[in-house]
N, C-alpha and C. Protein backbone atom coordinates (compact mmCIF):
# COMPACT_ATOMS: atom_id res chain seq x y z
N MET A 1 4.53 4.49 -10.20
CA MET A 1 5.76 5.25 -10.07
C MET A 1 6.72 4.57 -9.09
N PHE A 2 6.17 3.99 -8.04
CA PHE A 2 7.00 3.31 -7.05
C PHE A 2 7.79 2.17 -7.69
N PHE A 3 7.13 1.41 -8.59
CA PHE A 3 7.83 0.36 -9.31
C PHE A 3 9.03 0.93 -10.08
N LEU A 4 8.82 2.03 -10.74
CA LEU A 4 9.84 2.63 -11.59
C LEU A 4 11.05 3.10 -10.78
N VAL A 5 10.82 3.79 -9.69
CA VAL A 5 11.94 4.36 -8.94
C VAL A 5 12.65 3.34 -8.07
N THR A 6 12.01 2.22 -7.75
CA THR A 6 12.65 1.22 -6.89
C THR A 6 13.12 -0.01 -7.66
N ALA A 7 12.51 -0.29 -8.82
CA ALA A 7 12.77 -1.51 -9.58
C ALA A 7 12.49 -2.76 -8.73
N CYS A 8 11.49 -2.67 -7.86
CA CYS A 8 11.13 -3.78 -6.98
C CYS A 8 10.20 -4.77 -7.67
N ARG A 9 10.15 -5.96 -7.11
CA ARG A 9 9.23 -6.98 -7.56
C ARG A 9 7.82 -6.65 -7.06
N GLU A 10 6.82 -7.28 -7.72
CA GLU A 10 5.43 -6.99 -7.38
C GLU A 10 5.13 -7.23 -5.89
N LYS A 11 5.55 -8.35 -5.34
CA LYS A 11 5.25 -8.62 -3.93
C LYS A 11 5.99 -7.68 -2.99
N GLU A 12 7.17 -7.21 -3.40
CA GLU A 12 7.90 -6.25 -2.57
C GLU A 12 7.15 -4.92 -2.49
N VAL A 13 6.54 -4.53 -3.59
CA VAL A 13 5.73 -3.31 -3.59
C VAL A 13 4.42 -3.54 -2.83
N ALA A 14 3.80 -4.70 -3.05
CA ALA A 14 2.52 -5.00 -2.40
C ALA A 14 2.64 -5.01 -0.88
N HIS A 15 3.81 -5.35 -0.37
CA HIS A 15 4.00 -5.43 1.08
C HIS A 15 4.75 -4.22 1.64
N ALA A 16 4.90 -3.18 0.84
CA ALA A 16 5.55 -1.96 1.32
C ALA A 16 4.68 -1.27 2.36
N GLN A 17 5.32 -0.77 3.38
CA GLN A 17 4.63 -0.01 4.43
C GLN A 17 5.39 1.28 4.65
N TRP A 18 4.71 2.27 5.22
CA TRP A 18 5.36 3.56 5.44
C TRP A 18 6.60 3.40 6.31
N ASP A 19 6.55 2.52 7.28
CA ASP A 19 7.71 2.33 8.17
C ASP A 19 8.95 1.84 7.43
N ASP A 20 8.77 1.32 6.23
CA ASP A 20 9.90 0.81 5.45
C ASP A 20 10.66 1.93 4.74
N ILE A 21 10.10 3.13 4.72
CA ILE A 21 10.70 4.24 3.97
C ILE A 21 11.14 5.32 4.94
N LYS A 22 12.46 5.48 5.04
CA LYS A 22 13.04 6.50 5.93
C LYS A 22 14.32 7.01 5.30
N ASP A 23 14.58 8.28 5.48
CA ASP A 23 15.83 8.90 5.01
C ASP A 23 16.10 8.61 3.54
N CYS A 24 15.08 8.70 2.72
CA CYS A 24 15.18 8.49 1.27
C CYS A 24 15.69 7.08 0.93
N LYS A 25 15.28 6.08 1.73
CA LYS A 25 15.63 4.69 1.48
C LYS A 25 14.42 3.81 1.74
N TYR A 26 14.26 2.78 0.91
CA TYR A 26 13.19 1.80 1.09
C TYR A 26 13.83 0.49 1.52
N THR A 27 13.44 0.00 2.70
CA THR A 27 13.99 -1.26 3.22
C THR A 27 12.97 -2.37 3.01
N ILE A 28 13.40 -3.40 2.31
CA ILE A 28 12.56 -4.57 2.07
C ILE A 28 12.94 -5.59 3.13
N ARG A 29 11.95 -6.04 3.90
CA ARG A 29 12.23 -6.90 5.04
C ARG A 29 11.11 -7.91 5.24
N LYS A 30 11.37 -8.92 6.02
CA LYS A 30 10.36 -9.91 6.37
C LYS A 30 9.27 -9.24 7.20
N LYS A 31 8.01 -9.65 6.94
CA LYS A 31 6.88 -9.08 7.68
C LYS A 31 5.84 -10.15 7.96
N GLU A 32 5.22 -10.08 9.10
CA GLU A 32 4.07 -10.92 9.40
C GLU A 32 2.84 -10.03 9.46
N PHE A 33 1.74 -10.52 8.91
CA PHE A 33 0.51 -9.74 8.92
C PHE A 33 -0.67 -10.69 8.96
N LYS A 34 -1.79 -10.16 9.40
CA LYS A 34 -3.01 -10.96 9.46
C LYS A 34 -3.98 -10.42 8.42
N TYR A 35 -4.53 -11.32 7.61
CA TYR A 35 -5.51 -10.90 6.62
C TYR A 35 -6.74 -10.34 7.30
N SER A 36 -7.38 -9.37 6.66
CA SER A 36 -8.52 -8.69 7.25
C SER A 36 -9.71 -9.61 7.49
N ASN A 37 -9.82 -10.71 6.74
CA ASN A 37 -10.96 -11.62 6.94
C ASN A 37 -10.71 -12.62 8.07
N GLY A 38 -9.58 -12.46 8.77
CA GLY A 38 -9.27 -13.34 9.89
C GLY A 38 -8.78 -14.71 9.48
N ALA A 39 -8.34 -14.86 8.23
CA ALA A 39 -7.92 -16.16 7.70
C ALA A 39 -6.59 -16.62 8.27
N GLY A 40 -6.03 -15.91 9.20
CA GLY A 40 -4.78 -16.32 9.82
C GLY A 40 -3.62 -15.42 9.45
N TRP A 41 -2.50 -15.75 10.00
CA TRP A 41 -1.29 -14.96 9.79
C TRP A 41 -0.56 -15.42 8.53
N LYS A 42 -0.03 -14.47 7.82
CA LYS A 42 0.78 -14.74 6.63
C LYS A 42 2.13 -14.08 6.84
N VAL A 43 3.12 -14.59 6.16
CA VAL A 43 4.46 -14.03 6.25
C VAL A 43 4.95 -13.67 4.86
N PHE A 44 5.46 -12.46 4.72
CA PHE A 44 6.13 -12.05 3.48
C PHE A 44 7.63 -12.14 3.73
N ARG A 45 8.31 -12.83 2.84
CA ARG A 45 9.77 -12.93 2.92
C ARG A 45 10.36 -12.45 1.60
N PRO A 46 11.35 -11.55 1.67
CA PRO A 46 12.01 -11.13 0.44
C PRO A 46 12.75 -12.30 -0.20
N LYS A 47 13.05 -12.15 -1.47
CA LYS A 47 13.80 -13.17 -2.18
C LYS A 47 15.10 -13.47 -1.42
N ASN A 48 15.43 -14.74 -1.31
CA ASN A 48 16.60 -15.20 -0.56
C ASN A 48 16.53 -14.87 0.93
N HIS A 49 15.35 -14.45 1.40
CA HIS A 49 15.13 -14.15 2.82
C HIS A 49 16.05 -13.06 3.35
N GLU A 50 16.54 -12.20 2.47
CA GLU A 50 17.49 -11.17 2.87
C GLU A 50 16.85 -9.79 2.89
N THR A 51 17.08 -9.08 3.99
CA THR A 51 16.68 -7.68 4.07
C THR A 51 17.63 -6.88 3.20
N ARG A 52 17.08 -5.94 2.44
CA ARG A 52 17.94 -5.07 1.65
C ARG A 52 17.34 -3.67 1.60
N THR A 53 18.20 -2.72 1.36
CA THR A 53 17.78 -1.32 1.32
C THR A 53 18.05 -0.74 -0.06
N ILE A 54 17.04 -0.06 -0.57
CA ILE A 54 17.13 0.56 -1.90
C ILE A 54 17.11 2.08 -1.71
N PRO A 55 18.15 2.77 -2.19
CA PRO A 55 18.13 4.23 -2.08
C PRO A 55 17.11 4.82 -3.06
N LEU A 56 16.41 5.82 -2.60
CA LEU A 56 15.47 6.55 -3.46
C LEU A 56 16.14 7.85 -3.87
N LYS A 57 15.89 8.28 -5.08
CA LYS A 57 16.41 9.58 -5.48
C LYS A 57 15.89 10.61 -4.50
N SER A 58 16.66 11.61 -4.22
CA SER A 58 16.30 12.55 -3.17
C SER A 58 14.92 13.19 -3.39
N ARG A 59 14.60 13.52 -4.63
CA ARG A 59 13.28 14.13 -4.89
C ARG A 59 12.16 13.13 -4.60
N THR A 60 12.34 11.89 -5.05
CA THR A 60 11.33 10.85 -4.80
C THR A 60 11.19 10.62 -3.31
N GLY A 61 12.31 10.51 -2.61
CA GLY A 61 12.28 10.30 -1.17
C GLY A 61 11.57 11.43 -0.45
N ARG A 62 11.84 12.65 -0.84
CA ARG A 62 11.17 13.80 -0.22
C ARG A 62 9.68 13.77 -0.50
N ASP A 63 9.29 13.42 -1.73
CA ASP A 63 7.86 13.33 -2.07
C ASP A 63 7.16 12.27 -1.23
N VAL A 64 7.80 11.13 -1.07
CA VAL A 64 7.22 10.05 -0.25
C VAL A 64 7.11 10.48 1.20
N GLU A 65 8.16 11.08 1.74
CA GLU A 65 8.13 11.51 3.13
C GLU A 65 7.08 12.61 3.36
N ARG A 66 6.90 13.49 2.38
CA ARG A 66 5.86 14.52 2.50
C ARG A 66 4.48 13.87 2.51
N THR A 67 4.29 12.87 1.66
CA THR A 67 3.01 12.14 1.63
C THR A 67 2.77 11.43 2.94
N GLN A 68 3.82 10.84 3.52
CA GLN A 68 3.70 10.19 4.83
C GLN A 68 3.17 11.17 5.87
N GLU A 69 3.75 12.36 5.90
CA GLU A 69 3.33 13.36 6.87
C GLU A 69 1.88 13.76 6.66
N GLU A 70 1.49 13.94 5.40
CA GLU A 70 0.12 14.36 5.09
C GLU A 70 -0.90 13.29 5.45
N LEU A 71 -0.53 12.01 5.28
CA LEU A 71 -1.48 10.92 5.50
C LEU A 71 -1.36 10.27 6.87
N GLY A 72 -0.43 10.73 7.67
CA GLY A 72 -0.36 10.25 9.04
C GLY A 72 0.35 8.93 9.24
N HIS A 73 1.22 8.54 8.34
CA HIS A 73 2.07 7.35 8.51
C HIS A 73 1.30 6.04 8.63
N GLN A 74 0.03 6.00 8.36
CA GLN A 74 -0.74 4.77 8.56
C GLN A 74 -1.19 4.10 7.28
N VAL A 75 -0.79 4.61 6.14
CA VAL A 75 -1.27 4.07 4.88
C VAL A 75 -0.28 3.05 4.31
N ASP A 76 -0.80 1.90 3.92
CA ASP A 76 0.00 0.88 3.24
C ASP A 76 -0.57 0.71 1.84
N ILE A 77 0.18 0.06 0.98
CA ILE A 77 -0.33 -0.25 -0.35
C ILE A 77 -1.17 -1.50 -0.18
N SER A 78 -2.48 -1.34 -0.17
CA SER A 78 -3.36 -2.48 0.11
C SER A 78 -4.55 -2.47 -0.83
N ASN A 79 -5.26 -3.60 -0.85
CA ASN A 79 -6.46 -3.69 -1.68
C ASN A 79 -7.67 -3.18 -0.91
N GLU A 80 -8.85 -3.34 -1.48
CA GLU A 80 -10.07 -2.80 -0.87
C GLU A 80 -10.39 -3.43 0.50
N GLN A 81 -9.89 -4.65 0.73
CA GLN A 81 -10.14 -5.32 2.01
C GLN A 81 -9.08 -4.96 3.05
N GLY A 82 -8.08 -4.19 2.67
CA GLY A 82 -7.02 -3.82 3.59
C GLY A 82 -5.87 -4.81 3.62
N ASP A 83 -5.91 -5.81 2.75
CA ASP A 83 -4.84 -6.80 2.65
C ASP A 83 -3.81 -6.32 1.62
N PRO A 84 -2.59 -6.88 1.63
CA PRO A 84 -1.61 -6.48 0.61
C PRO A 84 -2.17 -6.71 -0.79
N GLU A 85 -1.97 -5.74 -1.65
CA GLU A 85 -2.44 -5.83 -3.04
C GLU A 85 -1.72 -6.97 -3.74
N GLY A 86 -2.46 -7.83 -4.40
CA GLY A 86 -1.86 -8.99 -5.04
C GLY A 86 -1.63 -8.86 -6.52
N HIS A 87 -2.29 -7.90 -7.16
CA HIS A 87 -2.18 -7.78 -8.60
C HIS A 87 -2.13 -6.30 -9.00
N PHE A 88 -1.11 -5.98 -9.74
CA PHE A 88 -0.99 -4.62 -10.28
C PHE A 88 -1.05 -4.74 -11.79
N SER A 89 -1.70 -3.80 -12.41
CA SER A 89 -1.72 -3.81 -13.87
C SER A 89 -1.61 -2.39 -14.38
N ALA A 90 -1.01 -2.27 -15.54
CA ALA A 90 -0.91 -0.97 -16.18
C ALA A 90 -2.11 -0.80 -17.11
N GLU A 91 -2.74 0.33 -17.00
CA GLU A 91 -3.88 0.60 -17.87
C GLU A 91 -3.46 1.65 -18.87
N ALA A 92 -3.78 1.40 -20.12
CA ALA A 92 -3.41 2.33 -21.19
C ALA A 92 -4.41 3.44 -21.31
């Protein structure tokens, strides 16, 4: 659903964090993170290295903000190891 309402690229969704979503807007920005296996620091850079903000429809934004409150603002879209998810697929 996040792909649909934001029209973001796969890596932009994979690196989304709760802190990026405020006031019904999703901000895509540069981020540094360390992989859970200690393999070193990685950097995510948006296309053209530009920060941009995507407005979310008010209902979607409210749903996301409610989920943030329920889950304690600490959940990211990550894989089983806690690293950014690298592959998304639609299952029929």
